[in-house]
Amino acid sequence: MIGSILRYAVGIWFSKIFKLDFPWGTFTVNLIGCLLIGLIFGFSEKQNWLNDNWRIFLTIGFCGGFTTFSSFAYENISMLQHQNYSGFFLYTIGSVLLGLLAVWGGLLISKI
């Protein structure tokens, strides 16, 4: 619930700042969530500072509520329906590639 509320707040904030035909709120929360999952898993493995219950709560609970694949999918379909093909490709490829890099970056940061 906490992650979902925060995601909604970020989405509202971004929609007020960016009046573009691109879903910046969802894009941002998904990348932040990927980074957080990498950090949480990396630090919990390295320093053993989280038990399994806390790691599951933070990754599946908080990050799972904070990030959103369903909004990502809907926004992509909406861009296709509005023939925004460049936005669709940038959003899809950018989300996947940058999301993977964010998780990897979180794991690397935790090893420092």
PDB file of N, CA and C in Angstrom:
ATOM      1  N   MET A   1       0.822  -1.187   0.000  1.00  0.00           N
ATOM      2  CA  MET A   1       0.000   0.000   0.000  1.00  0.00           C
ATOM      3  C   MET A   1       0.876   1.266   0.000  1.00  0.00           C
ATOM      4  N   ILE A   2       1.950   1.251   0.765  1.00  0.00           N
ATOM      5  CA  ILE A   2       2.819   2.422   0.864  1.00  0.00           C
ATOM      6  C   ILE A   2       3.414   2.750  -0.507  1.00  0.00           C
ATOM      7  N   GLY A   3       3.912   1.722  -1.192  1.00  0.00           N
ATOM      8  CA  GLY A   3       4.486   1.924  -2.515  1.00  0.00           C
ATOM      9  C   GLY A   3       3.472   2.445  -3.511  1.00  0.00           C
ATOM     10  N   SER A   4       2.258   1.920  -3.451  1.00  0.00           N
ATOM     11  CA  SER A   4       1.206   2.354  -4.379  1.00  0.00           C
ATOM     12  C   SER A   4       0.833   3.814  -4.166  1.00  0.00           C
ATOM     13  N   ILE A   5       0.733   4.227  -2.922  1.00  0.00           N
ATOM     14  CA  ILE A   5       0.408   5.623  -2.619  1.00  0.00           C
ATOM     15  C   ILE A   5       1.523   6.542  -3.103  1.00  0.00           C
ATOM     16  N   LEU A   6       2.756   6.136  -2.855  1.00  0.00           N
ATOM     17  CA  LEU A   6       3.888   6.939  -3.306  1.00  0.00           C
ATOM     18  C   LEU A   6       3.937   7.010  -4.834  1.00  0.00           C
ATOM     19  N   ARG A   7       3.645   5.887  -5.508  1.00  0.00           N
ATOM     20  CA  ARG A   7       3.613   5.889  -6.983  1.00  0.00           C
ATOM     21  C   ARG A   7       2.562   6.864  -7.492  1.00  0.00           C
ATOM     22  N   TYR A   8       1.396   6.853  -6.892  1.00  0.00           N
ATOM     23  CA  TYR A   8       0.323   7.765  -7.299  1.00  0.00           C
ATOM     24  C   TYR A   8       0.760   9.223  -7.117  1.00  0.00           C
ATOM     25  N   ALA A   9       1.396   9.511  -5.988  1.00  0.00           N
ATOM     26  CA  ALA A   9       1.856  10.873  -5.722  1.00  0.00           C
ATOM     27  C   ALA A   9       2.910  11.312  -6.731  1.00  0.00           C
ATOM     28  N   VAL A  10       3.833  10.431  -7.057  1.00  0.00           N
ATOM     29  CA  VAL A  10       4.859  10.757  -8.048  1.00  0.00           C
ATOM     30  C   VAL A  10       4.213  10.991  -9.409  1.00  0.00           C
ATOM     31  N   GLY A  11       3.245  10.164  -9.768  1.00  0.00           N
ATOM     32  CA  GLY A  11       2.548  10.331 -11.044  1.00  0.00           C
ATOM     33  C   GLY A  11       1.832  11.663 -11.148  1.00  0.00           C
ATOM     34  N   ILE A  12       1.167  12.063 -10.079  1.00  0.00           N
ATOM     35  CA  ILE A  12       0.478  13.359 -10.055  1.00  0.00           C
ATOM     36  C   ILE A  12       1.488  14.494 -10.172  1.00  0.00           C
ATOM     37  N   TRP A  13       2.574  14.399  -9.426  1.00  0.00           N
ATOM     38  CA  TRP A  13       3.605  15.438  -9.437  1.00  0.00           C
ATOM     39  C   TRP A  13       4.199  15.595 -10.831  1.00  0.00           C
ATOM     40  N   PHE A  14       4.536  14.455 -11.481  1.00  0.00           N
ATOM     41  CA  PHE A  14       5.119  14.517 -12.822  1.00  0.00           C
ATOM     42  C   PHE A  14       4.132  15.049 -13.844  1.00  0.00           C
ATOM     43  N   SER A  15       2.850  14.719 -13.695  1.00  0.00           N
ATOM     44  CA  SER A  15       1.865  15.204 -14.670  1.00  0.00           C
ATOM     45  C   SER A  15       1.697  16.720 -14.574  1.00  0.00           C
ATOM     46  N   LYS A  16       1.977  17.294 -13.422  1.00  0.00           N
ATOM     47  CA  LYS A  16       1.899  18.751 -13.280  1.00  0.00           C
ATOM     48  C   LYS A  16       3.144  19.433 -13.840  1.00  0.00           C
ATOM     49  N   ILE A  17       4.268  18.760 -13.786  1.00  0.00           N
ATOM     50  CA  ILE A  17       5.524  19.346 -14.262  1.00  0.00           C
ATOM     51  C   ILE A  17       5.678  19.170 -15.768  1.00  0.00           C
ATOM     52  N   PHE A  18       5.434  17.955 -16.254  1.00  0.00           N
ATOM     53  CA  PHE A  18       5.648  17.644 -17.666  1.00  0.00           C
ATOM     54  C   PHE A  18       4.305  17.525 -18.370  1.00  0.00           C
ATOM     55  N   LYS A  19       4.063  18.386 -19.303  1.00  0.00           N
ATOM     56  CA  LYS A  19       2.832  18.342 -20.099  1.00  0.00           C
ATOM     57  C   LYS A  19       3.132  17.719 -21.467  1.00  0.00           C
ATOM     58  N   LEU A  20       3.938  16.667 -21.468  1.00  0.00           N
ATOM     59  CA  LEU A  20       4.344  16.021 -22.708  1.00  0.00           C
ATOM     60  C   LEU A  20       3.532  14.765 -22.945  1.00  0.00           C
ATOM     61  N   ASP A  21       3.632  14.251 -24.132  1.00  0.00           N
ATOM     62  CA  ASP A  21       2.929  13.037 -24.515  1.00  0.00           C
ATOM     63  C   ASP A  21       3.795  11.813 -24.192  1.00  0.00           C
ATOM     64  N   PHE A  22       4.292  11.778 -22.958  1.00  0.00           N
ATOM     65  CA  PHE A  22       5.162  10.685 -22.520  1.00  0.00           C
ATOM     66  C   PHE A  22       4.884  10.432 -21.036  1.00  0.00           C
ATOM     67  N   PRO A  23       4.747   9.177 -20.632  1.00  0.00           N
ATOM     68  CA  PRO A  23       4.403   8.845 -19.238  1.00  0.00           C
ATOM     69  C   PRO A  23       5.611   8.916 -18.297  1.00  0.00           C
ATOM     70  N   TRP A  24       6.059  10.131 -18.001  1.00  0.00           N
ATOM     71  CA  TRP A  24       7.251  10.310 -17.175  1.00  0.00           C
ATOM     72  C   TRP A  24       7.099   9.746 -15.766  1.00  0.00           C
ATOM     73  N   GLY A  25       5.921   9.839 -15.185  1.00  0.00           N
ATOM     74  CA  GLY A  25       5.717   9.341 -13.822  1.00  0.00           C
ATOM     75  C   GLY A  25       5.953   7.846 -13.715  1.00  0.00           C
ATOM     76  N   THR A  26       5.311   7.073 -14.573  1.00  0.00           N
ATOM     77  CA  THR A  26       5.482   5.621 -14.562  1.00  0.00           C
ATOM     78  C   THR A  26       6.912   5.243 -14.901  1.00  0.00           C
ATOM     79  N   PHE A  27       7.471   5.901 -15.889  1.00  0.00           N
ATOM     80  CA  PHE A  27       8.851   5.643 -16.296  1.00  0.00           C
ATOM     81  C   PHE A  27       9.804   5.842 -15.112  1.00  0.00           C
ATOM     82  N   THR A  28       9.622   6.935 -14.399  1.00  0.00           N
ATOM     83  CA  THR A  28      10.498   7.264 -13.280  1.00  0.00           C
ATOM     84  C   THR A  28      10.338   6.286 -12.117  1.00  0.00           C
ATOM     85  N   VAL A  29       9.092   6.002 -11.720  1.00  0.00           N
ATOM     86  CA  VAL A  29       8.912   5.084 -10.586  1.00  0.00           C
ATOM     87  C   VAL A  29       9.414   3.686 -10.914  1.00  0.00           C
ATOM     88  N   ASN A  30       9.255   3.262 -12.155  1.00  0.00           N
ATOM     89  CA  ASN A  30       9.747   1.932 -12.515  1.00  0.00           C
ATOM     90  C   ASN A  30      11.277   1.867 -12.445  1.00  0.00           C
ATOM     91  N   LEU A  31      11.947   2.911 -12.891  1.00  0.00           N
ATOM     92  CA  LEU A  31      13.418   2.921 -12.816  1.00  0.00           C
ATOM     93  C   LEU A  31      13.905   3.039 -11.372  1.00  0.00           C
ATOM     94  N   ILE A  32      13.260   3.879 -10.581  1.00  0.00           N
ATOM     95  CA  ILE A  32      13.639   3.989  -9.168  1.00  0.00           C
ATOM     96  C   ILE A  32      13.401   2.658  -8.457  1.00  0.00           C
ATOM     97  N   GLY A  33      12.283   2.022  -8.761  1.00  0.00           N
ATOM     98  CA  GLY A  33      11.983   0.718  -8.160  1.00  0.00           C
ATOM     99  C   GLY A  33      13.018  -0.333  -8.532  1.00  0.00           C
ATOM    100  N   CYS A  34      13.466  -0.321  -9.776  1.00  0.00           N
ATOM    101  CA  CYS A  34      14.513  -1.258 -10.205  1.00  0.00           C
ATOM    102  C   CYS A  34      15.808  -1.008  -9.442  1.00  0.00           C
ATOM    103  N   LEU A  35      16.181   0.252  -9.304  1.00  0.00           N
ATOM    104  CA  LEU A  35      17.387   0.585  -8.541  1.00  0.00           C
ATOM    105  C   LEU A  35      17.246   0.137  -7.088  1.00  0.00           C
ATOM    106  N   LEU A  36      16.088   0.394  -6.487  1.00  0.00           N
ATOM    107  CA  LEU A  36      15.865   0.003  -5.096  1.00  0.00           C
ATOM    108  C   LEU A  36      15.947  -1.514  -4.907  1.00  0.00           C
ATOM    109  N   ILE A  37      15.369  -2.267  -5.836  1.00  0.00           N
ATOM    110  CA  ILE A  37      15.433  -3.729  -5.719  1.00  0.00           C
ATOM    111  C   ILE A  37      16.876  -4.200  -5.789  1.00  0.00           C
ATOM    112  N   GLY A  38      17.655  -3.631  -6.702  1.00  0.00           N
ATOM    113  CA  GLY A  38      19.070  -3.989  -6.778  1.00  0.00           C
ATOM    114  C   GLY A  38      19.803  -3.655  -5.493  1.00  0.00           C
ATOM    115  N   LEU A  39      19.531  -2.469  -4.942  1.00  0.00           N
ATOM    116  CA  LEU A  39      20.173  -2.066  -3.682  1.00  0.00           C
ATOM    117  C   LEU A  39      19.758  -2.966  -2.527  1.00  0.00           C
ATOM    118  N   ILE A  40      18.476  -3.239  -2.424  1.00  0.00           N
ATOM    119  CA  ILE A  40      17.976  -4.060  -1.309  1.00  0.00           C
ATOM    120  C   ILE A  40      18.563  -5.466  -1.366  1.00  0.00           C
ATOM    121  N   PHE A  41      18.503  -6.095  -2.532  1.00  0.00           N
ATOM    122  CA  PHE A  41      19.071  -7.442  -2.643  1.00  0.00           C
ATOM    123  C   PHE A  41      20.581  -7.430  -2.439  1.00  0.00           C
ATOM    124  N   GLY A  42      21.258  -6.448  -3.028  1.00  0.00           N
ATOM    125  CA  GLY A  42      22.708  -6.384  -2.894  1.00  0.00           C
ATOM    126  C   GLY A  42      23.154  -6.190  -1.463  1.00  0.00           C
ATOM    127  N   PHE A  43      22.560  -5.212  -0.764  1.00  0.00           N
ATOM    128  CA  PHE A  43      22.947  -4.955   0.623  1.00  0.00           C
ATOM    129  C   PHE A  43      22.538  -6.091   1.554  1.00  0.00           C
ATOM    130  N   SER A  44      21.381  -6.695   1.299  1.00  0.00           N
ATOM    131  CA  SER A  44      20.954  -7.784   2.184  1.00  0.00           C
ATOM    132  C   SER A  44      21.837  -9.015   2.013  1.00  0.00           C
ATOM    133  N   GLU A  45      22.361  -9.233   0.819  1.00  0.00           N
ATOM    134  CA  GLU A  45      23.275 -10.361   0.615  1.00  0.00           C
ATOM    135  C   GLU A  45      24.665 -10.053   1.157  1.00  0.00           C
ATOM    136  N   LYS A  46      25.123  -8.826   0.937  1.00  0.00           N
ATOM    137  CA  LYS A  46      26.481  -8.458   1.341  1.00  0.00           C
ATOM    138  C   LYS A  46      26.613  -8.359   2.854  1.00  0.00           C
ATOM    139  N   GLN A  47      25.698  -7.656   3.465  1.00  0.00           N
ATOM    140  CA  GLN A  47      25.841  -7.356   4.879  1.00  0.00           C
ATOM    141  C   GLN A  47      24.883  -8.143   5.757  1.00  0.00           C
ATOM    142  N   ASN A  48      24.025  -8.935   5.143  1.00  0.00           N
ATOM    143  CA  ASN A  48      23.061  -9.754   5.880  1.00  0.00           C
ATOM    144  C   ASN A  48      22.287  -8.925   6.909  1.00  0.00           C
ATOM    145  N   TRP A  49      21.878  -7.703   6.524  1.00  0.00           N
ATOM    146  CA  TRP A  49      21.185  -6.816   7.446  1.00  0.00           C
ATOM    147  C   TRP A  49      19.673  -6.924   7.375  1.00  0.00           C
ATOM    148  N   LEU A  50      19.160  -7.729   6.454  1.00  0.00           N
ATOM    149  CA  LEU A  50      17.715  -7.944   6.378  1.00  0.00           C
ATOM    150  C   LEU A  50      17.409  -9.434   6.492  1.00  0.00           C
ATOM    151  N   ASN A  51      16.436  -9.762   7.306  1.00  0.00           N
ATOM    152  CA  ASN A  51      15.996 -11.154   7.297  1.00  0.00           C
ATOM    153  C   ASN A  51      15.064 -11.346   6.095  1.00  0.00           C
ATOM    154  N   ASP A  52      14.674 -12.576   5.839  1.00  0.00           N
ATOM    155  CA  ASP A  52      13.851 -12.874   4.655  1.00  0.00           C
ATOM    156  C   ASP A  52      12.533 -12.105   4.652  1.00  0.00           C
ATOM    157  N   ASN A  53      11.911 -11.955   5.805  1.00  0.00           N
ATOM    158  CA  ASN A  53      10.620 -11.256   5.873  1.00  0.00           C
ATOM    159  C   ASN A  53      10.746  -9.792   5.464  1.00  0.00           C
ATOM    160  N   TRP A  54      11.777  -9.109   5.939  1.00  0.00           N
ATOM    161  CA  TRP A  54      11.976  -7.706   5.571  1.00  0.00           C
ATOM    162  C   TRP A  54      12.344  -7.559   4.105  1.00  0.00           C
ATOM    163  N   ARG A  55      13.181  -8.453   3.603  1.00  0.00           N
ATOM    164  CA  ARG A  55      13.566  -8.382   2.190  1.00  0.00           C
ATOM    165  C   ARG A  55      12.344  -8.579   1.298  1.00  0.00           C
ATOM    166  N   ILE A  56      11.484  -9.529   1.646  1.00  0.00           N
ATOM    167  CA  ILE A  56      10.260  -9.768   0.869  1.00  0.00           C
ATOM    168  C   ILE A  56       9.326  -8.566   0.978  1.00  0.00           C
ATOM    169  N   PHE A  57       9.183  -8.008   2.178  1.00  0.00           N
ATOM    170  CA  PHE A  57       8.326  -6.832   2.360  1.00  0.00           C
ATOM    171  C   PHE A  57       8.802  -5.658   1.509  1.00  0.00           C
ATOM    172  N   LEU A  58      10.104  -5.407   1.536  1.00  0.00           N
ATOM    173  CA  LEU A  58      10.635  -4.255   0.799  1.00  0.00           C
ATOM    174  C   LEU A  58      10.632  -4.464  -0.714  1.00  0.00           C
ATOM    175  N   THR A  59      10.964  -5.666  -1.176  1.00  0.00           N
ATOM    176  CA  THR A  59      11.040  -5.890  -2.624  1.00  0.00           C
ATOM    177  C   THR A  59       9.671  -6.183  -3.230  1.00  0.00           C
ATOM    178  N   ILE A  60       9.015  -7.198  -2.747  1.00  0.00           N
ATOM    179  CA  ILE A  60       7.711  -7.572  -3.322  1.00  0.00           C
ATOM    180  C   ILE A  60       6.623  -6.609  -2.863  1.00  0.00           C
ATOM    181  N   GLY A  61       6.638  -6.256  -1.589  1.00  0.00           N
ATOM    182  CA  GLY A  61       5.605  -5.371  -1.055  1.00  0.00           C
ATOM    183  C   GLY A  61       5.763  -3.935  -1.503  1.00  0.00           C
ATOM    184  N   PHE A  62       6.801  -3.271  -1.001  1.00  0.00           N
ATOM    185  CA  PHE A  62       6.968  -1.849  -1.311  1.00  0.00           C
ATOM    186  C   PHE A  62       7.286  -1.617  -2.785  1.00  0.00           C
ATOM    187  N   CYS A  63       8.362  -2.242  -3.279  1.00  0.00           N
ATOM    188  CA  CYS A  63       8.760  -2.006  -4.679  1.00  0.00           C
ATOM    189  C   CYS A  63       7.714  -2.536  -5.656  1.00  0.00           C
ATOM    190  N   GLY A  64       7.080  -3.645  -5.304  1.00  0.00           N
ATOM    191  CA  GLY A  64       6.019  -4.183  -6.154  1.00  0.00           C
ATOM    192  C   GLY A  64       4.826  -3.246  -6.255  1.00  0.00           C
ATOM    193  N   GLY A  65       4.499  -2.581  -5.143  1.00  0.00           N
ATOM    194  CA  GLY A  65       3.416  -1.601  -5.157  1.00  0.00           C
ATOM    195  C   GLY A  65       3.832  -0.285  -5.803  1.00  0.00           C
ATOM    196  N   PHE A  66       5.102   0.049  -5.648  1.00  0.00           N
ATOM    197  CA  PHE A  66       5.611   1.309  -6.189  1.00  0.00           C
ATOM    198  C   PHE A  66       5.728   1.254  -7.708  1.00  0.00           C
ATOM    199  N   THR A  67       6.261   0.164  -8.231  1.00  0.00           N
ATOM    200  CA  THR A  67       6.402   0.029  -9.686  1.00  0.00           C
ATOM    201  C   THR A  67       5.113  -0.531 -10.259  1.00  0.00           C
ATOM    202  N   THR A  68       4.964  -0.420 -11.568  1.00  0.00           N
ATOM    203  CA  THR A  68       3.707  -0.871 -12.154  1.00  0.00           C
ATOM    204  C   THR A  68       3.876  -1.314 -13.605  1.00  0.00           C
ATOM    205  N   PHE A  69       3.710  -2.593 -13.818  1.00  0.00           N
ATOM    206  CA  PHE A  69       3.780  -3.109 -15.180  1.00  0.00           C
ATOM    207  C   PHE A  69       2.466  -2.864 -15.921  1.00  0.00           C
ATOM    208  N   SER A  70       1.345  -2.914 -15.210  1.00  0.00           N
ATOM    209  CA  SER A  70       0.054  -2.726 -15.880  1.00  0.00           C
ATOM    210  C   SER A  70      -0.067  -1.317 -16.451  1.00  0.00           C
ATOM    211  N   SER A  71       0.372  -0.308 -15.717  1.00  0.00           N
ATOM    212  CA  SER A  71       0.343   1.056 -16.253  1.00  0.00           C
ATOM    213  C   SER A  71       1.294   1.191 -17.428  1.00  0.00           C
ATOM    214  N   PHE A  72       2.454   0.580 -17.313  1.00  0.00           N
ATOM    215  CA  PHE A  72       3.433   0.571 -18.400  1.00  0.00           C
ATOM    216  C   PHE A  72       2.811  -0.009 -19.672  1.00  0.00           C
ATOM    217  N   ALA A  73       2.143  -1.143 -19.551  1.00  0.00           N
ATOM    218  CA  ALA A  73       1.528  -1.792 -20.711  1.00  0.00           C
ATOM    219  C   ALA A  73       0.413  -0.923 -21.291  1.00  0.00           C
ATOM    220  N   TYR A  74      -0.449  -0.383 -20.429  1.00  0.00           N
ATOM    221  CA  TYR A  74      -1.543   0.463 -20.909  1.00  0.00           C
ATOM    222  C   TYR A  74      -1.020   1.704 -21.631  1.00  0.00           C
ATOM    223  N   GLU A  75      -0.010   2.343 -21.057  1.00  0.00           N
ATOM    224  CA  GLU A  75       0.528   3.556 -21.668  1.00  0.00           C
ATOM    225  C   GLU A  75       1.160   3.259 -23.024  1.00  0.00           C
ATOM    226  N   ASN A  76       1.773   2.092 -23.159  1.00  0.00           N
ATOM    227  CA  ASN A  76       2.326   1.696 -24.451  1.00  0.00           C
ATOM    228  C   ASN A  76       1.221   1.496 -25.488  1.00  0.00           C
ATOM    229  N   ILE A  77       0.162   0.813 -25.099  1.00  0.00           N
ATOM    230  CA  ILE A  77      -0.958   0.592 -26.022  1.00  0.00           C
ATOM    231  C   ILE A  77      -1.586   1.933 -26.410  1.00  0.00           C
ATOM    232  N   SER A  78      -1.716   2.817 -25.440  1.00  0.00           N
ATOM    233  CA  SER A  78      -2.281   4.138 -25.713  1.00  0.00           C
ATOM    234  C   SER A  78      -1.428   4.901 -26.729  1.00  0.00           C
ATOM    235  N   MET A  79      -0.108   4.834 -26.584  1.00  0.00           N
ATOM    236  CA  MET A  79       0.771   5.506 -27.549  1.00  0.00           C
ATOM    237  C   MET A  79       0.615   4.899 -28.941  1.00  0.00           C
ATOM    238  N   LEU A  80       0.474   3.596 -29.026  1.00  0.00           N
ATOM    239  CA  LEU A  80       0.260   2.957 -30.328  1.00  0.00           C
ATOM    240  C   LEU A  80      -1.071   3.392 -30.935  1.00  0.00           C
ATOM    241  N   GLN A  81      -2.114   3.456 -30.111  1.00  0.00           N
ATOM    242  CA  GLN A  81      -3.420   3.869 -30.600  1.00  0.00           C
ATOM    243  C   GLN A  81      -3.414   5.310 -31.102  1.00  0.00           C
ATOM    244  N   HIS A  82      -2.566   6.135 -30.516  1.00  0.00           N
ATOM    245  CA  HIS A  82      -2.453   7.529 -30.943  1.00  0.00           C
ATOM    246  C   HIS A  82      -1.332   7.727 -31.964  1.00  0.00           C
ATOM    247  N   GLN A  83      -0.846   6.618 -32.475  1.00  0.00           N
ATOM    248  CA  GLN A  83       0.206   6.601 -33.510  1.00  0.00           C
ATOM    249  C   GLN A  83       1.472   7.351 -33.075  1.00  0.00           C
ATOM    250  N   ASN A  84       1.759   7.289 -31.793  1.00  0.00           N
ATOM    251  CA  ASN A  84       2.985   7.873 -31.254  1.00  0.00           C
ATOM    252  C   ASN A  84       4.046   6.764 -31.226  1.00  0.00           C
ATOM    253  N   TYR A  85       4.508   6.388 -32.395  1.00  0.00           N
ATOM    254  CA  TYR A  85       5.413   5.247 -32.521  1.00  0.00           C
ATOM    255  C   TYR A  85       6.789   5.529 -31.929  1.00  0.00           C
ATOM    256  N   SER A  86       7.267   6.741 -32.075  1.00  0.00           N
ATOM    257  CA  SER A  86       8.581   7.057 -31.499  1.00  0.00           C
ATOM    258  C   SER A  86       8.508   7.025 -29.972  1.00  0.00           C
ATOM    259  N   GLY A  87       7.443   7.563 -29.396  1.00  0.00           N
ATOM    260  CA  GLY A  87       7.266   7.499 -27.944  1.00  0.00           C
ATOM    261  C   GLY A  87       7.153   6.075 -27.454  1.00  0.00           C
ATOM    262  N   PHE A  88       6.412   5.254 -28.203  1.00  0.00           N
ATOM    263  CA  PHE A  88       6.263   3.840 -27.857  1.00  0.00           C
ATOM    264  C   PHE A  88       7.618   3.141 -27.816  1.00  0.00           C
ATOM    265  N   PHE A  89       8.416   3.297 -28.853  1.00  0.00           N
ATOM    266  CA  PHE A  89       9.716   2.623 -28.900  1.00  0.00           C
ATOM    267  C   PHE A  89      10.673   3.151 -27.831  1.00  0.00           C
ATOM    268  N   LEU A  90      10.701   4.466 -27.643  1.00  0.00           N
ATOM    269  CA  LEU A  90      11.569   5.027 -26.610  1.00  0.00           C
ATOM    270  C   LEU A  90      11.171   4.552 -25.218  1.00  0.00           C
ATOM    271  N   TYR A  91       9.880   4.544 -24.956  1.00  0.00           N
ATOM    272  CA  TYR A  91       9.367   4.140 -23.649  1.00  0.00           C
ATOM    273  C   TYR A  91       9.644   2.661 -23.392  1.00  0.00           C
ATOM    274  N   THR A  92       9.343   1.821 -24.361  1.00  0.00           N
ATOM    275  CA  THR A  92       9.510   0.384 -24.185  1.00  0.00           C
ATOM    276  C   THR A  92      10.983   0.004 -24.051  1.00  0.00           C
ATOM    277  N   ILE A  93      11.773   0.422 -25.009  1.00  0.00           N
ATOM    278  CA  ILE A  93      13.200   0.065 -24.997  1.00  0.00           C
ATOM    279  C   ILE A  93      13.905   0.751 -23.829  1.00  0.00           C
ATOM    280  N   GLY A  94      13.587   2.020 -23.602  1.00  0.00           N
ATOM    281  CA  GLY A  94      14.202   2.743 -22.495  1.00  0.00           C
ATOM    282  C   GLY A  94      13.864   2.130 -21.151  1.00  0.00           C
ATOM    283  N   SER A  95      12.607   1.742 -20.952  1.00  0.00           N
ATOM    284  CA  SER A  95      12.186   1.147 -19.681  1.00  0.00           C
ATOM    285  C   SER A  95      12.896  -0.172 -19.423  1.00  0.00           C
ATOM    286  N   VAL A  96      12.949  -1.019 -20.432  1.00  0.00           N
ATOM    287  CA  VAL A  96      13.566  -2.336 -20.251  1.00  0.00           C
ATOM    288  C   VAL A  96      15.075  -2.209 -20.048  1.00  0.00           C
ATOM    289  N   LEU A  97      15.737  -1.504 -20.950  1.00  0.00           N
ATOM    290  CA  LEU A  97      17.199  -1.385 -20.844  1.00  0.00           C
ATOM    291  C   LEU A  97      17.627  -0.623 -19.593  1.00  0.00           C
ATOM    292  N   LEU A  98      17.014   0.527 -19.357  1.00  0.00           N
ATOM    293  CA  LEU A  98      17.387   1.316 -18.184  1.00  0.00           C
ATOM    294  C   LEU A  98      16.976   0.622 -16.879  1.00  0.00           C
ATOM    295  N   GLY A  99      15.870  -0.117 -16.925  1.00  0.00           N
ATOM    296  CA  GLY A  99      15.458  -0.883 -15.740  1.00  0.00           C
ATOM    297  C   GLY A  99      16.476  -1.954 -15.389  1.00  0.00           C
ATOM    298  N   LEU A 100      16.942  -2.679 -16.399  1.00  0.00           N
ATOM    299  CA  LEU A 100      17.975  -3.690 -16.152  1.00  0.00           C
ATOM    300  C   LEU A 100      19.262  -3.048 -15.655  1.00  0.00           C
ATOM    301  N   LEU A 101      19.639  -1.932 -16.261  1.00  0.00           N
ATOM    302  CA  LEU A 101      20.841  -1.224 -15.808  1.00  0.00           C
ATOM    303  C   LEU A 101      20.680  -0.693 -14.387  1.00  0.00           C
ATOM    304  N   ALA A 102      19.480  -0.267 -14.020  1.00  0.00           N
ATOM    305  CA  ALA A 102      19.247   0.236 -12.668  1.00  0.00           C
ATOM    306  C   ALA A 102      19.388  -0.870 -11.636  1.00  0.00           C
ATOM    307  N   VAL A 103      18.833  -2.055 -11.910  1.00  0.00           N
ATOM    308  CA  VAL A 103      19.002  -3.185 -10.984  1.00  0.00           C
ATOM    309  C   VAL A 103      20.483  -3.533 -10.866  1.00  0.00           C
ATOM    310  N   TRP A 104      21.151  -3.639 -11.986  1.00  0.00           N
ATOM    311  CA  TRP A 104      22.575  -3.949 -12.001  1.00  0.00           C
ATOM    312  C   TRP A 104      23.365  -2.870 -11.253  1.00  0.00           C
ATOM    313  N   GLY A 105      23.022  -1.605 -11.478  1.00  0.00           N
ATOM    314  CA  GLY A 105      23.677  -0.501 -10.784  1.00  0.00           C
ATOM    315  C   GLY A 105      23.470  -0.586  -9.279  1.00  0.00           C
ATOM    316  N   GLY A 106      22.266  -0.932  -8.857  1.00  0.00           N
ATOM    317  CA  GLY A 106      21.990  -1.100  -7.425  1.00  0.00           C
ATOM    318  C   GLY A 106      22.839  -2.203  -6.822  1.00  0.00           C
ATOM    319  N   LEU A 107      22.963  -3.306  -7.551  1.00  0.00           N
ATOM    320  CA  LEU A 107      23.812  -4.404  -7.060  1.00  0.00           C
ATOM    321  C   LEU A 107      25.279  -3.977  -6.998  1.00  0.00           C
ATOM    322  N   LEU A 108      25.726  -3.218  -8.004  1.00  0.00           N
ATOM    323  CA  LEU A 108      27.121  -2.743  -7.993  1.00  0.00           C
ATOM    324  C   LEU A 108      27.368  -1.758  -6.860  1.00  0.00           C
ATOM    325  N   ILE A 109      26.435  -0.856  -6.633  1.00  0.00           N
ATOM    326  CA  ILE A 109      26.577   0.114  -5.550  1.00  0.00           C
ATOM    327  C   ILE A 109      26.679  -0.605  -4.212  1.00  0.00           C
ATOM    328  N   SER A 110      25.893  -1.658  -4.044  1.00  0.00           N
ATOM    329  CA  SER A 110      25.924  -2.376  -2.774  1.00  0.00           C
ATOM    330  C   SER A 110      27.241  -3.088  -2.518  1.00  0.00           C
ATOM    331  N   LYS A 111      28.017  -3.319  -3.554  1.00  0.00           N
ATOM    332  CA  LYS A 111      29.318  -3.995  -3.396  1.00  0.00           C
ATOM    333  C   LYS A 111      30.458  -3.040  -3.052  1.00  0.00           C
ATOM    334  N   ILE A 112      30.189  -1.752  -3.150  1.00  0.00           N
ATOM    335  CA  ILE A 112      31.242  -0.756  -2.874  1.00  0.00           C
ATOM    336  C   ILE A 112      31.479  -0.682  -1.366  1.00  0.00           C
TER     337      ILE A 112
END
